[in-house]
Amino acid sequence: RFTMEFDHLKLHPDIQYLPYPFDFTRVPLKRRKTTEKLRVGHSPTK
């Protein structure tokens, strides 16, 4: 059993943690400066 959620390690006695396999090819963009102000972002799904 493998999990990608750290808290799952407490929910099952025999499970191993795996880092999320991140697909670098989905993020081809470089950072883009579009404003003089410093911009703080937040992107909620829920």
ModelCIF file with pLDDT and N, C-alpha, C, O atoms, coordinates in Angstrom:
data_MODEL
#
_entry.id   MODEL 
#
_entity.id                         1 
_entity.type                       polymer 
_entity.pdbx_number_of_molecules   1 
#
_entity_poly.entity_id                      1 
_entity_poly.type                           'polypeptide(L)' 
_entity_poly.nstd_linkage                   no 
_entity_poly.nstd_monomer                   no 
_entity_poly.pdbx_seq_one_letter_code       RFTMEFDHLKLHPDIQYLPYPFDFTRVPLKRRKTTEKLRVGHSPTK 
_entity_poly.pdbx_seq_one_letter_code_can   RFTMEFDHLKLHPDIQYLPYPFDFTRVPLKRRKTTEKLRVGHSPTK 
_entity_poly.pdbx_strand_id                 A 
#
loop_
_entity_poly_seq.entity_id 
_entity_poly_seq.num 
_entity_poly_seq.mon_id 
_entity_poly_seq.hetero 
1 1  ARG n 
1 2  PHE n 
1 3  THR n 
1 4  MET n 
1 5  GLU n 
1 6  PHE n 
1 7  ASP n 
1 8  HIS n 
1 9  LEU n 
1 10 LYS n 
1 11 LEU n 
1 12 HIS n 
1 13 PRO n 
1 14 ASP n 
1 15 ILE n 
1 16 GLN n 
1 17 TYR n 
1 18 LEU n 
1 19 PRO n 
1 20 TYR n 
1 21 PRO n 
1 22 PHE n 
1 23 ASP n 
1 24 PHE n 
1 25 THR n 
1 26 ARG n 
1 27 VAL n 
1 28 PRO n 
1 29 LEU n 
1 30 LYS n 
1 31 ARG n 
1 32 ARG n 
1 33 LYS n 
1 34 THR n 
1 35 THR n 
1 36 GLU n 
1 37 LYS n 
1 38 LEU n 
1 39 ARG n 
1 40 VAL n 
1 41 GLY n 
1 42 HIS n 
1 43 SER n 
1 44 PRO n 
1 45 THR n 
1 46 LYS n 
#
_struct_asym.id          A 
_struct_asym.entity_id   1 
#
loop_
_ma_qa_metric.id 
_ma_qa_metric.mode 
_ma_qa_metric.name 
_ma_qa_metric.software_group_id 
_ma_qa_metric.type 
1 global pLDDT . pLDDT 
2 local  pLDDT . pLDDT 
#
_ma_qa_metric_global.metric_id      1 
_ma_qa_metric_global.metric_value   91.78 
_ma_qa_metric_global.model_id       1 
_ma_qa_metric_global.ordinal_id     1 
#
loop_
_ma_qa_metric_local.label_asym_id 
_ma_qa_metric_local.label_comp_id 
_ma_qa_metric_local.label_seq_id 
_ma_qa_metric_local.metric_id 
_ma_qa_metric_local.metric_value 
_ma_qa_metric_local.model_id 
_ma_qa_metric_local.ordinal_id 
A ARG 1  2 97.00 1 1  
A PHE 2  2 98.00 1 2  
A THR 3  2 96.00 1 3  
A MET 4  2 95.00 1 4  
A GLU 5  2 94.00 1 5  
A PHE 6  2 94.00 1 6  
A ASP 7  2 93.00 1 7  
A HIS 8  2 95.00 1 8  
A LEU 9  2 95.00 1 9  
A LYS 10 2 94.00 1 10 
A LEU 11 2 94.00 1 11 
A HIS 12 2 95.00 1 12 
A PRO 13 2 95.00 1 13 
A ASP 14 2 97.00 1 14 
A ILE 15 2 97.00 1 15 
A GLN 16 2 97.00 1 16 
A TYR 17 2 97.00 1 17 
A LEU 18 2 97.00 1 18 
A PRO 19 2 97.00 1 19 
A TYR 20 2 95.00 1 20 
A PRO 21 2 96.00 1 21 
A PHE 22 2 95.00 1 22 
A ASP 23 2 92.00 1 23 
A PHE 24 2 90.00 1 24 
A THR 25 2 89.00 1 25 
A ARG 26 2 86.00 1 26 
A VAL 27 2 90.00 1 27 
A PRO 28 2 82.00 1 28 
A LEU 29 2 81.00 1 29 
A LYS 30 2 79.00 1 30 
A ARG 31 2 79.00 1 31 
A ARG 32 2 79.00 1 32 
A LYS 33 2 76.00 1 33 
A THR 34 2 76.00 1 34 
A THR 35 2 78.00 1 35 
A GLU 36 2 87.00 1 36 
A LYS 37 2 94.00 1 37 
A LEU 38 2 96.00 1 38 
A ARG 39 2 97.00 1 39 
A VAL 40 2 98.00 1 40 
A GLY 41 2 98.00 1 41 
A HIS 42 2 98.00 1 42 
A SER 43 2 97.00 1 43 
A PRO 44 2 96.00 1 44 
A THR 45 2 90.00 1 45 
A LYS 46 2 91.00 1 46 
#
loop_
_atom_site.group_PDB 
_atom_site.id 
_atom_site.type_symbol 
_atom_site.label_atom_id 
_atom_site.label_alt_id 
_atom_site.label_comp_id 
_atom_site.label_asym_id 
_atom_site.label_entity_id 
_atom_site.label_seq_id 
_atom_site.pdbx_PDB_ins_code 
_atom_site.Cartn_x 
_atom_site.Cartn_y 
_atom_site.Cartn_z 
_atom_site.occupancy 
_atom_site.B_iso_or_equiv 
_atom_site.pdbx_formal_charge 
_atom_site.auth_seq_id 
_atom_site.auth_comp_id 
_atom_site.auth_asym_id 
_atom_site.auth_atom_id 
_atom_site.pdbx_PDB_model_num 
ATOM 1   N N  . ARG A 1 1  ? 0.854   -1.194 0.000   1.00 97.00 ? 1  ARG A N  1 
ATOM 2   C CA . ARG A 1 1  ? 0.000   0.000  0.000   1.00 97.00 ? 1  ARG A CA 1 
ATOM 3   C C  . ARG A 1 1  ? 0.884   1.235  0.000   1.00 97.00 ? 1  ARG A C  1 
ATOM 4   O O  . ARG A 1 1  ? 1.864   1.312  0.740   1.00 97.00 ? 1  ARG A O  1 
ATOM 5   N N  . PHE A 1 2  ? 0.528   2.196  -0.836  1.00 98.00 ? 2  PHE A N  1 
ATOM 6   C CA . PHE A 1 2  ? 1.252   3.460  -0.913  1.00 98.00 ? 2  PHE A CA 1 
ATOM 7   C C  . PHE A 1 2  ? 0.260   4.603  -0.753  1.00 98.00 ? 2  PHE A C  1 
ATOM 8   O O  . PHE A 1 2  ? -0.920  4.471  -1.077  1.00 98.00 ? 2  PHE A O  1 
ATOM 9   N N  . THR A 1 3  ? 0.754   5.720  -0.251  1.00 96.00 ? 3  THR A N  1 
ATOM 10  C CA . THR A 1 3  ? -0.088  6.905  -0.144  1.00 96.00 ? 3  THR A CA 1 
ATOM 11  C C  . THR A 1 3  ? 0.715   8.151  -0.490  1.00 96.00 ? 3  THR A C  1 
ATOM 12  O O  . THR A 1 3  ? 1.934   8.177  -0.319  1.00 96.00 ? 3  THR A O  1 
ATOM 13  N N  . MET A 1 4  ? 0.039   9.171  -0.970  1.00 95.00 ? 4  MET A N  1 
ATOM 14  C CA . MET A 1 4  ? 0.653   10.460 -1.242  1.00 95.00 ? 4  MET A CA 1 
ATOM 15  C C  . MET A 1 4  ? 0.173   11.522 -0.253  1.00 95.00 ? 4  MET A C  1 
ATOM 16  O O  . MET A 1 4  ? 0.362   12.719 -0.465  1.00 95.00 ? 4  MET A O  1 
ATOM 17  N N  . GLU A 1 5  ? -0.450  11.060 0.828   1.00 94.00 ? 5  GLU A N  1 
ATOM 18  C CA . GLU A 1 5  ? -0.966  11.956 1.865   1.00 94.00 ? 5  GLU A CA 1 
ATOM 19  C C  . GLU A 1 5  ? -0.327  11.573 3.198   1.00 94.00 ? 5  GLU A C  1 
ATOM 20  O O  . GLU A 1 5  ? -0.477  10.443 3.662   1.00 94.00 ? 5  GLU A O  1 
ATOM 21  N N  . PHE A 1 6  ? 0.383   12.517 3.810   1.00 94.00 ? 6  PHE A N  1 
ATOM 22  C CA . PHE A 1 6  ? 1.136   12.213 5.020   1.00 94.00 ? 6  PHE A CA 1 
ATOM 23  C C  . PHE A 1 6  ? 0.236   11.728 6.151   1.00 94.00 ? 6  PHE A C  1 
ATOM 24  O O  . PHE A 1 6  ? 0.606   10.805 6.877   1.00 94.00 ? 6  PHE A O  1 
ATOM 25  N N  . ASP A 1 7  ? -0.937  12.334 6.313   1.00 93.00 ? 7  ASP A N  1 
ATOM 26  C CA . ASP A 1 7  ? -1.801  11.940 7.429   1.00 93.00 ? 7  ASP A CA 1 
ATOM 27  C C  . ASP A 1 7  ? -2.342  10.524 7.285   1.00 93.00 ? 7  ASP A C  1 
ATOM 28  O O  . ASP A 1 7  ? -2.806  9.937  8.263   1.00 93.00 ? 7  ASP A O  1 
ATOM 29  N N  . HIS A 1 8  ? -2.287  9.963  6.065   1.00 95.00 ? 8  HIS A N  1 
ATOM 30  C CA . HIS A 1 8  ? -2.735  8.578  5.868   1.00 95.00 ? 8  HIS A CA 1 
ATOM 31  C C  . HIS A 1 8  ? -1.869  7.586  6.640   1.00 95.00 ? 8  HIS A C  1 
ATOM 32  O O  . HIS A 1 8  ? -2.317  6.484  6.956   1.00 95.00 ? 8  HIS A O  1 
ATOM 33  N N  . LEU A 1 9  ? -0.635  7.973  6.942   1.00 95.00 ? 9  LEU A N  1 
ATOM 34  C CA . LEU A 1 9  ? 0.263   7.067  7.663   1.00 95.00 ? 9  LEU A CA 1 
ATOM 35  C C  . LEU A 1 9  ? -0.303  6.704  9.034   1.00 95.00 ? 9  LEU A C  1 
ATOM 36  O O  . LEU A 1 9  ? 0.037   5.663  9.596   1.00 95.00 ? 9  LEU A O  1 
ATOM 37  N N  . LYS A 1 10 ? -1.167  7.565  9.566   1.00 94.00 ? 10 LYS A N  1 
ATOM 38  C CA . LYS A 1 10 ? -1.801  7.281  10.854  1.00 94.00 ? 10 LYS A CA 1 
ATOM 39  C C  . LYS A 1 10 ? -3.121  6.539  10.705  1.00 94.00 ? 10 LYS A C  1 
ATOM 40  O O  . LYS A 1 10 ? -3.705  6.094  11.693  1.00 94.00 ? 10 LYS A O  1 
ATOM 41  N N  . LEU A 1 11 ? -3.588  6.408  9.470   1.00 94.00 ? 11 LEU A N  1 
ATOM 42  C CA . LEU A 1 11 ? -4.904  5.803  9.246   1.00 94.00 ? 11 LEU A CA 1 
ATOM 43  C C  . LEU A 1 11 ? -4.825  4.328  8.855   1.00 94.00 ? 11 LEU A C  1 
ATOM 44  O O  . LEU A 1 11 ? -5.840  3.634  8.812   1.00 94.00 ? 11 LEU A O  1 
ATOM 45  N N  . HIS A 1 12 ? -3.609  3.856  8.571   1.00 95.00 ? 12 HIS A N  1 
ATOM 46  C CA . HIS A 1 12 ? -3.438  2.448  8.218   1.00 95.00 ? 12 HIS A CA 1 
ATOM 47  C C  . HIS A 1 12 ? -2.111  1.969  8.802   1.00 95.00 ? 12 HIS A C  1 
ATOM 48  O O  . HIS A 1 12 ? -1.112  2.681  8.704   1.00 95.00 ? 12 HIS A O  1 
ATOM 49  N N  . PRO A 1 13 ? -2.077  0.792  9.401   1.00 95.00 ? 13 PRO A N  1 
ATOM 50  C CA . PRO A 1 13 ? -0.848  0.331  10.058  1.00 95.00 ? 13 PRO A CA 1 
ATOM 51  C C  . PRO A 1 13 ? 0.249   -0.121 9.092   1.00 95.00 ? 13 PRO A C  1 
ATOM 52  O O  . PRO A 1 13 ? 1.399   -0.280 9.499   1.00 95.00 ? 13 PRO A O  1 
ATOM 53  N N  . ASP A 1 14 ? -0.089  -0.327 7.835   1.00 97.00 ? 14 ASP A N  1 
ATOM 54  C CA . ASP A 1 14 ? 0.899   -0.859 6.886   1.00 97.00 ? 14 ASP A CA 1 
ATOM 55  C C  . ASP A 1 14 ? 0.800   -0.122 5.555   1.00 97.00 ? 14 ASP A C  1 
ATOM 56  O O  . ASP A 1 14 ? 0.263   -0.651 4.581   1.00 97.00 ? 14 ASP A O  1 
ATOM 57  N N  . ILE A 1 15 ? 1.318   1.092  5.522   1.00 97.00 ? 15 ILE A N  1 
ATOM 58  C CA . ILE A 1 15 ? 1.230   1.900  4.313   1.00 97.00 ? 15 ILE A CA 1 
ATOM 59  C C  . ILE A 1 15 ? 2.492   2.755  4.210   1.00 97.00 ? 15 ILE A C  1 
ATOM 60  O O  . ILE A 1 15 ? 3.031   3.200  5.223   1.00 97.00 ? 15 ILE A O  1 
ATOM 61  N N  . GLN A 1 16 ? 2.959   2.983  2.986   1.00 97.00 ? 16 GLN A N  1 
ATOM 62  C CA . GLN A 1 16 ? 4.200   3.720  2.759   1.00 97.00 ? 16 GLN A CA 1 
ATOM 63  C C  . GLN A 1 16 ? 3.914   5.029  2.020   1.00 97.00 ? 16 GLN A C  1 
ATOM 64  O O  . GLN A 1 16 ? 3.039   5.102  1.157   1.00 97.00 ? 16 GLN A O  1 
ATOM 65  N N  . TYR A 1 17 ? 4.674   6.051  2.384   1.00 97.00 ? 17 TYR A N  1 
ATOM 66  C CA . TYR A 1 17 ? 4.491   7.374  1.786   1.00 97.00 ? 17 TYR A CA 1 
ATOM 67  C C  . TYR A 1 17 ? 5.282   7.499  0.492   1.00 97.00 ? 17 TYR A C  1 
ATOM 68  O O  . TYR A 1 17 ? 6.436   7.077  0.403   1.00 97.00 ? 17 TYR A O  1 
ATOM 69  N N  . LEU A 1 18 ? 4.630   8.093  -0.517  1.00 97.00 ? 18 LEU A N  1 
ATOM 70  C CA . LEU A 1 18 ? 5.279   8.428  -1.783  1.00 97.00 ? 18 LEU A CA 1 
ATOM 71  C C  . LEU A 1 18 ? 5.102   9.918  -2.050  1.00 97.00 ? 18 LEU A C  1 
ATOM 72  O O  . LEU A 1 18 ? 3.988   10.422 -1.914  1.00 97.00 ? 18 LEU A O  1 
ATOM 73  N N  . PRO A 1 19 ? 6.160   10.646 -2.425  1.00 97.00 ? 19 PRO A N  1 
ATOM 74  C CA . PRO A 1 19 ? 5.969   12.022 -2.875  1.00 97.00 ? 19 PRO A CA 1 
ATOM 75  C C  . PRO A 1 19 ? 5.113   12.024 -4.143  1.00 97.00 ? 19 PRO A C  1 
ATOM 76  O O  . PRO A 1 19 ? 5.186   11.104 -4.958  1.00 97.00 ? 19 PRO A O  1 
ATOM 77  N N  . TYR A 1 20 ? 4.321   13.049 -4.292  1.00 95.00 ? 20 TYR A N  1 
ATOM 78  C CA . TYR A 1 20 ? 3.489   13.181 -5.494  1.00 95.00 ? 20 TYR A CA 1 
ATOM 79  C C  . TYR A 1 20 ? 4.396   13.279 -6.725  1.00 95.00 ? 20 TYR A C  1 
ATOM 80  O O  . TYR A 1 20 ? 5.287   14.127 -6.755  1.00 95.00 ? 20 TYR A O  1 
ATOM 81  N N  . PRO A 1 21 ? 4.189   12.430 -7.743  1.00 96.00 ? 21 PRO A N  1 
ATOM 82  C CA . PRO A 1 21 ? 5.030   12.488 -8.949  1.00 96.00 ? 21 PRO A CA 1 
ATOM 83  C C  . PRO A 1 21 ? 4.635   13.683 -9.818  1.00 96.00 ? 21 PRO A C  1 
ATOM 84  O O  . PRO A 1 21 ? 3.649   13.628 -10.553 1.00 96.00 ? 21 PRO A O  1 
ATOM 85  N N  . PHE A 1 22 ? 5.403   14.744 -9.725  1.00 95.00 ? 22 PHE A N  1 
ATOM 86  C CA . PHE A 1 22 ? 5.048   16.011 -10.351 1.00 95.00 ? 22 PHE A CA 1 
ATOM 87  C C  . PHE A 1 22 ? 5.509   16.043 -11.805 1.00 95.00 ? 22 PHE A C  1 
ATOM 88  O O  . PHE A 1 22 ? 6.681   15.805 -12.097 1.00 95.00 ? 22 PHE A O  1 
ATOM 89  N N  . ASP A 1 23 ? 4.590   16.336 -12.704 1.00 92.00 ? 23 ASP A N  1 
ATOM 90  C CA . ASP A 1 23 ? 4.877   16.383 -14.143 1.00 92.00 ? 23 ASP A CA 1 
ATOM 91  C C  . ASP A 1 23 ? 5.411   17.762 -14.508 1.00 92.00 ? 23 ASP A C  1 
ATOM 92  O O  . ASP A 1 23 ? 4.639   18.708 -14.663 1.00 92.00 ? 23 ASP A O  1 
ATOM 93  N N  . PHE A 1 24 ? 6.725   17.877 -14.645 1.00 90.00 ? 24 PHE A N  1 
ATOM 94  C CA . PHE A 1 24 ? 7.344   19.164 -14.946 1.00 90.00 ? 24 PHE A CA 1 
ATOM 95  C C  . PHE A 1 24 ? 6.909   19.711 -16.305 1.00 90.00 ? 24 PHE A C  1 
ATOM 96  O O  . PHE A 1 24 ? 6.879   20.925 -16.507 1.00 90.00 ? 24 PHE A O  1 
ATOM 97  N N  . THR A 1 25 ? 6.574   18.823 -17.228 1.00 89.00 ? 25 THR A N  1 
ATOM 98  C CA . THR A 1 25 ? 6.242   19.270 -18.586 1.00 89.00 ? 25 THR A CA 1 
ATOM 99  C C  . THR A 1 25 ? 4.948   20.059 -18.619 1.00 89.00 ? 25 THR A C  1 
ATOM 100 O O  . THR A 1 25 ? 4.665   20.732 -19.611 1.00 89.00 ? 25 THR A O  1 
ATOM 101 N N  . ARG A 1 26 ? 4.152   19.994 -17.554 1.00 86.00 ? 26 ARG A N  1 
ATOM 102 C CA . ARG A 1 26 ? 2.895   20.745 -17.514 1.00 86.00 ? 26 ARG A CA 1 
ATOM 103 C C  . ARG A 1 26 ? 3.119   22.200 -17.127 1.00 86.00 ? 26 ARG A C  1 
ATOM 104 O O  . ARG A 1 26 ? 2.199   23.014 -17.203 1.00 86.00 ? 26 ARG A O  1 
ATOM 105 N N  . VAL A 1 27 ? 4.337   22.528 -16.714 1.00 90.00 ? 27 VAL A N  1 
ATOM 106 C CA . VAL A 1 27 ? 4.615   23.892 -16.263 1.00 90.00 ? 27 VAL A CA 1 
ATOM 107 C C  . VAL A 1 27 ? 5.758   24.468 -17.105 1.00 90.00 ? 27 VAL A C  1 
ATOM 108 O O  . VAL A 1 27 ? 6.861   24.667 -16.597 1.00 90.00 ? 27 VAL A O  1 
ATOM 109 N N  . PRO A 1 28 ? 5.500   24.734 -18.380 1.00 82.00 ? 28 PRO A N  1 
ATOM 110 C CA . PRO A 1 28 ? 6.570   25.221 -19.259 1.00 82.00 ? 28 PRO A CA 1 
ATOM 111 C C  . PRO A 1 28 ? 6.829   26.715 -19.132 1.00 82.00 ? 28 PRO A C  1 
ATOM 112 O O  . PRO A 1 28 ? 7.825   27.226 -19.644 1.00 82.00 ? 28 PRO A O  1 
ATOM 113 N N  . LEU A 1 29 ? 5.932   27.410 -18.452 1.00 81.00 ? 29 LEU A N  1 
ATOM 114 C CA . LEU A 1 29 ? 6.017   28.865 -18.405 1.00 81.00 ? 29 LEU A CA 1 
ATOM 115 C C  . LEU A 1 29 ? 7.127   29.352 -17.494 1.00 81.00 ? 29 LEU A C  1 
ATOM 116 O O  . LEU A 1 29 ? 7.484   28.695 -16.516 1.00 81.00 ? 29 LEU A O  1 
ATOM 117 N N  . LYS A 1 30 ? 7.663   30.504 -17.828 1.00 79.00 ? 30 LYS A N  1 
ATOM 118 C CA . LYS A 1 30 ? 8.562   31.206 -16.928 1.00 79.00 ? 30 LYS A CA 1 
ATOM 119 C C  . LYS A 1 30 ? 7.739   32.262 -16.194 1.00 79.00 ? 30 LYS A C  1 
ATOM 120 O O  . LYS A 1 30 ? 6.651   32.631 -16.636 1.00 79.00 ? 30 LYS A O  1 
ATOM 121 N N  . ARG A 1 31 ? 8.263   32.737 -15.081 1.00 79.00 ? 31 ARG A N  1 
ATOM 122 C CA . ARG A 1 31 ? 7.550   33.779 -14.350 1.00 79.00 ? 31 ARG A CA 1 
ATOM 123 C C  . ARG A 1 31 ? 7.446   35.035 -15.191 1.00 79.00 ? 31 ARG A C  1 
ATOM 124 O O  . ARG A 1 31 ? 8.382   35.412 -15.896 1.00 79.00 ? 31 ARG A O  1 
ATOM 125 N N  . ARG A 1 32 ? 6.292   35.674 -15.104 1.00 79.00 ? 32 ARG A N  1 
ATOM 126 C CA . ARG A 1 32 ? 6.035   36.869 -15.899 1.00 79.00 ? 32 ARG A CA 1 
ATOM 127 C C  . ARG A 1 32 ? 5.715   38.038 -14.983 1.00 79.00 ? 32 ARG A C  1 
ATOM 128 O O  . ARG A 1 32 ? 4.756   37.984 -14.212 1.00 79.00 ? 32 ARG A O  1 
ATOM 129 N N  . LYS A 1 33 ? 6.503   39.081 -15.063 1.00 76.00 ? 33 LYS A N  1 
ATOM 130 C CA . LYS A 1 33 ? 6.253   40.281 -14.258 1.00 76.00 ? 33 LYS A CA 1 
ATOM 131 C C  . LYS A 1 33 ? 5.310   41.188 -15.025 1.00 76.00 ? 33 LYS A C  1 
ATOM 132 O O  . LYS A 1 33 ? 5.651   41.670 -16.105 1.00 76.00 ? 33 LYS A O  1 
ATOM 133 N N  . THR A 1 34 ? 4.112   41.428 -14.468 1.00 76.00 ? 34 THR A N  1 
ATOM 134 C CA . THR A 1 34 ? 3.107   42.196 -15.196 1.00 76.00 ? 34 THR A CA 1 
ATOM 135 C C  . THR A 1 34 ? 2.698   43.473 -14.472 1.00 76.00 ? 34 THR A C  1 
ATOM 136 O O  . THR A 1 34 ? 1.881   44.238 -14.983 1.00 76.00 ? 34 THR A O  1 
ATOM 137 N N  . THR A 1 35 ? 3.257   43.709 -13.293 1.00 78.00 ? 35 THR A N  1 
ATOM 138 C CA . THR A 1 35 ? 2.835   44.866 -12.514 1.00 78.00 ? 35 THR A CA 1 
ATOM 139 C C  . THR A 1 35 ? 3.984   45.367 -11.657 1.00 78.00 ? 35 THR A C  1 
ATOM 140 O O  . THR A 1 35 ? 4.885   44.604 -11.307 1.00 78.00 ? 35 THR A O  1 
ATOM 141 N N  . GLU A 1 36 ? 3.952   46.645 -11.321 1.00 87.00 ? 36 GLU A N  1 
ATOM 142 C CA . GLU A 1 36 ? 4.977   47.205 -10.447 1.00 87.00 ? 36 GLU A CA 1 
ATOM 143 C C  . GLU A 1 36 ? 4.778   46.755 -9.005  1.00 87.00 ? 36 GLU A C  1 
ATOM 144 O O  . GLU A 1 36 ? 5.740   46.639 -8.245  1.00 87.00 ? 36 GLU A O  1 
ATOM 145 N N  . LYS A 1 37 ? 3.540   46.506 -8.637  1.00 94.00 ? 37 LYS A N  1 
ATOM 146 C CA . LYS A 1 37 ? 3.261   46.058 -7.282  1.00 94.00 ? 37 LYS A CA 1 
ATOM 147 C C  . LYS A 1 37 ? 3.673   44.598 -7.107  1.00 94.00 ? 37 LYS A C  1 
ATOM 148 O O  . LYS A 1 37 ? 3.719   43.833 -8.070  1.00 94.00 ? 37 LYS A O  1 
ATOM 149 N N  . LEU A 1 38 ? 3.968   44.230 -5.877  1.00 96.00 ? 38 LEU A N  1 
ATOM 150 C CA . LEU A 1 38 ? 4.256   42.836 -5.573  1.00 96.00 ? 38 LEU A CA 1 
ATOM 151 C C  . LEU A 1 38 ? 2.927   42.087 -5.477  1.00 96.00 ? 38 LEU A C  1 
ATOM 152 O O  . LEU A 1 38 ? 2.019   42.488 -4.749  1.00 96.00 ? 38 LEU A O  1 
ATOM 153 N N  . ARG A 1 39 ? 2.840   41.015 -6.213  1.00 97.00 ? 39 ARG A N  1 
ATOM 154 C CA . ARG A 1 39 ? 1.560   40.293 -6.319  1.00 97.00 ? 39 ARG A CA 1 
ATOM 155 C C  . ARG A 1 39 ? 1.598   39.014 -5.485  1.00 97.00 ? 39 ARG A C  1 
ATOM 156 O O  . ARG A 1 39 ? 2.504   38.193 -5.624  1.00 97.00 ? 39 ARG A O  1 
ATOM 157 N N  . VAL A 1 40 ? 0.599   38.862 -4.619  1.00 98.00 ? 40 VAL A N  1 
ATOM 158 C CA . VAL A 1 40 ? 0.424   37.655 -3.811  1.00 98.00 ? 40 VAL A CA 1 
ATOM 159 C C  . VAL A 1 40 ? -0.731  36.861 -4.398  1.00 98.00 ? 40 VAL A C  1 
ATOM 160 O O  . VAL A 1 40 ? -1.834  37.387 -4.545  1.00 98.00 ? 40 VAL A O  1 
ATOM 161 N N  . GLY A 1 41 ? -0.487  35.591 -4.737  1.00 98.00 ? 41 GLY A N  1 
ATOM 162 C CA . GLY A 1 41 ? -1.518  34.763 -5.351  1.00 98.00 ? 41 GLY A CA 1 
ATOM 163 C C  . GLY A 1 41 ? -2.000  33.651 -4.433  1.00 98.00 ? 41 GLY A C  1 
ATOM 164 O O  . GLY A 1 41 ? -1.312  33.229 -3.503  1.00 98.00 ? 41 GLY A O  1 
ATOM 165 N N  . HIS A 1 42 ? -3.211  33.194 -4.733  1.00 98.00 ? 42 HIS A N  1 
ATOM 166 C CA . HIS A 1 42 ? -3.803  32.065 -4.009  1.00 98.00 ? 42 HIS A CA 1 
ATOM 167 C C  . HIS A 1 42 ? -4.795  31.412 -4.954  1.00 98.00 ? 42 HIS A C  1 
ATOM 168 O O  . HIS A 1 42 ? -5.583  32.101 -5.602  1.00 98.00 ? 42 HIS A O  1 
ATOM 169 N N  . SER A 1 43 ? -4.762  30.069 -5.041  1.00 97.00 ? 43 SER A N  1 
ATOM 170 C CA . SER A 1 43 ? -5.589  29.377 -6.030  1.00 97.00 ? 43 SER A CA 1 
ATOM 171 C C  . SER A 1 43 ? -6.318  28.196 -5.399  1.00 97.00 ? 43 SER A C  1 
ATOM 172 O O  . SER A 1 43 ? -5.805  27.077 -5.427  1.00 97.00 ? 43 SER A O  1 
ATOM 173 N N  . PRO A 1 44 ? -7.498  28.418 -4.833  1.00 96.00 ? 44 PRO A N  1 
ATOM 174 C CA . PRO A 1 44 ? -8.220  27.317 -4.178  1.00 96.00 ? 44 PRO A CA 1 
ATOM 175 C C  . PRO A 1 44 ? -9.025  26.481 -5.161  1.00 96.00 ? 44 PRO A C  1 
ATOM 176 O O  . PRO A 1 44 ? -9.670  27.009 -6.067  1.00 96.00 ? 44 PRO A O  1 
ATOM 177 N N  . THR A 1 45 ? -8.977  25.170 -4.965  1.00 90.00 ? 45 THR A N  1 
ATOM 178 C CA . THR A 1 45 ? -9.920  24.292 -5.655  1.00 90.00 ? 45 THR A CA 1 
ATOM 179 C C  . THR A 1 45 ? -11.209 24.226 -4.830  1.00 90.00 ? 45 THR A C  1 
ATOM 180 O O  . THR A 1 45 ? -12.311 24.388 -5.355  1.00 90.00 ? 45 THR A O  1 
ATOM 181 N N  . LYS A 1 46 ? -11.041 23.985 -3.524  1.00 91.00 ? 46 LYS A N  1 
ATOM 182 C CA . LYS A 1 46 ? -12.158 24.065 -2.583  1.00 91.00 ? 46 LYS A CA 1 
ATOM 183 C C  . LYS A 1 46 ? -11.739 25.034 -1.476  1.00 91.00 ? 46 LYS A C  1 
ATOM 184 O O  . LYS A 1 46 ? -12.509 25.280 -0.547  1.00 91.00 ? 46 LYS A O  1 
#
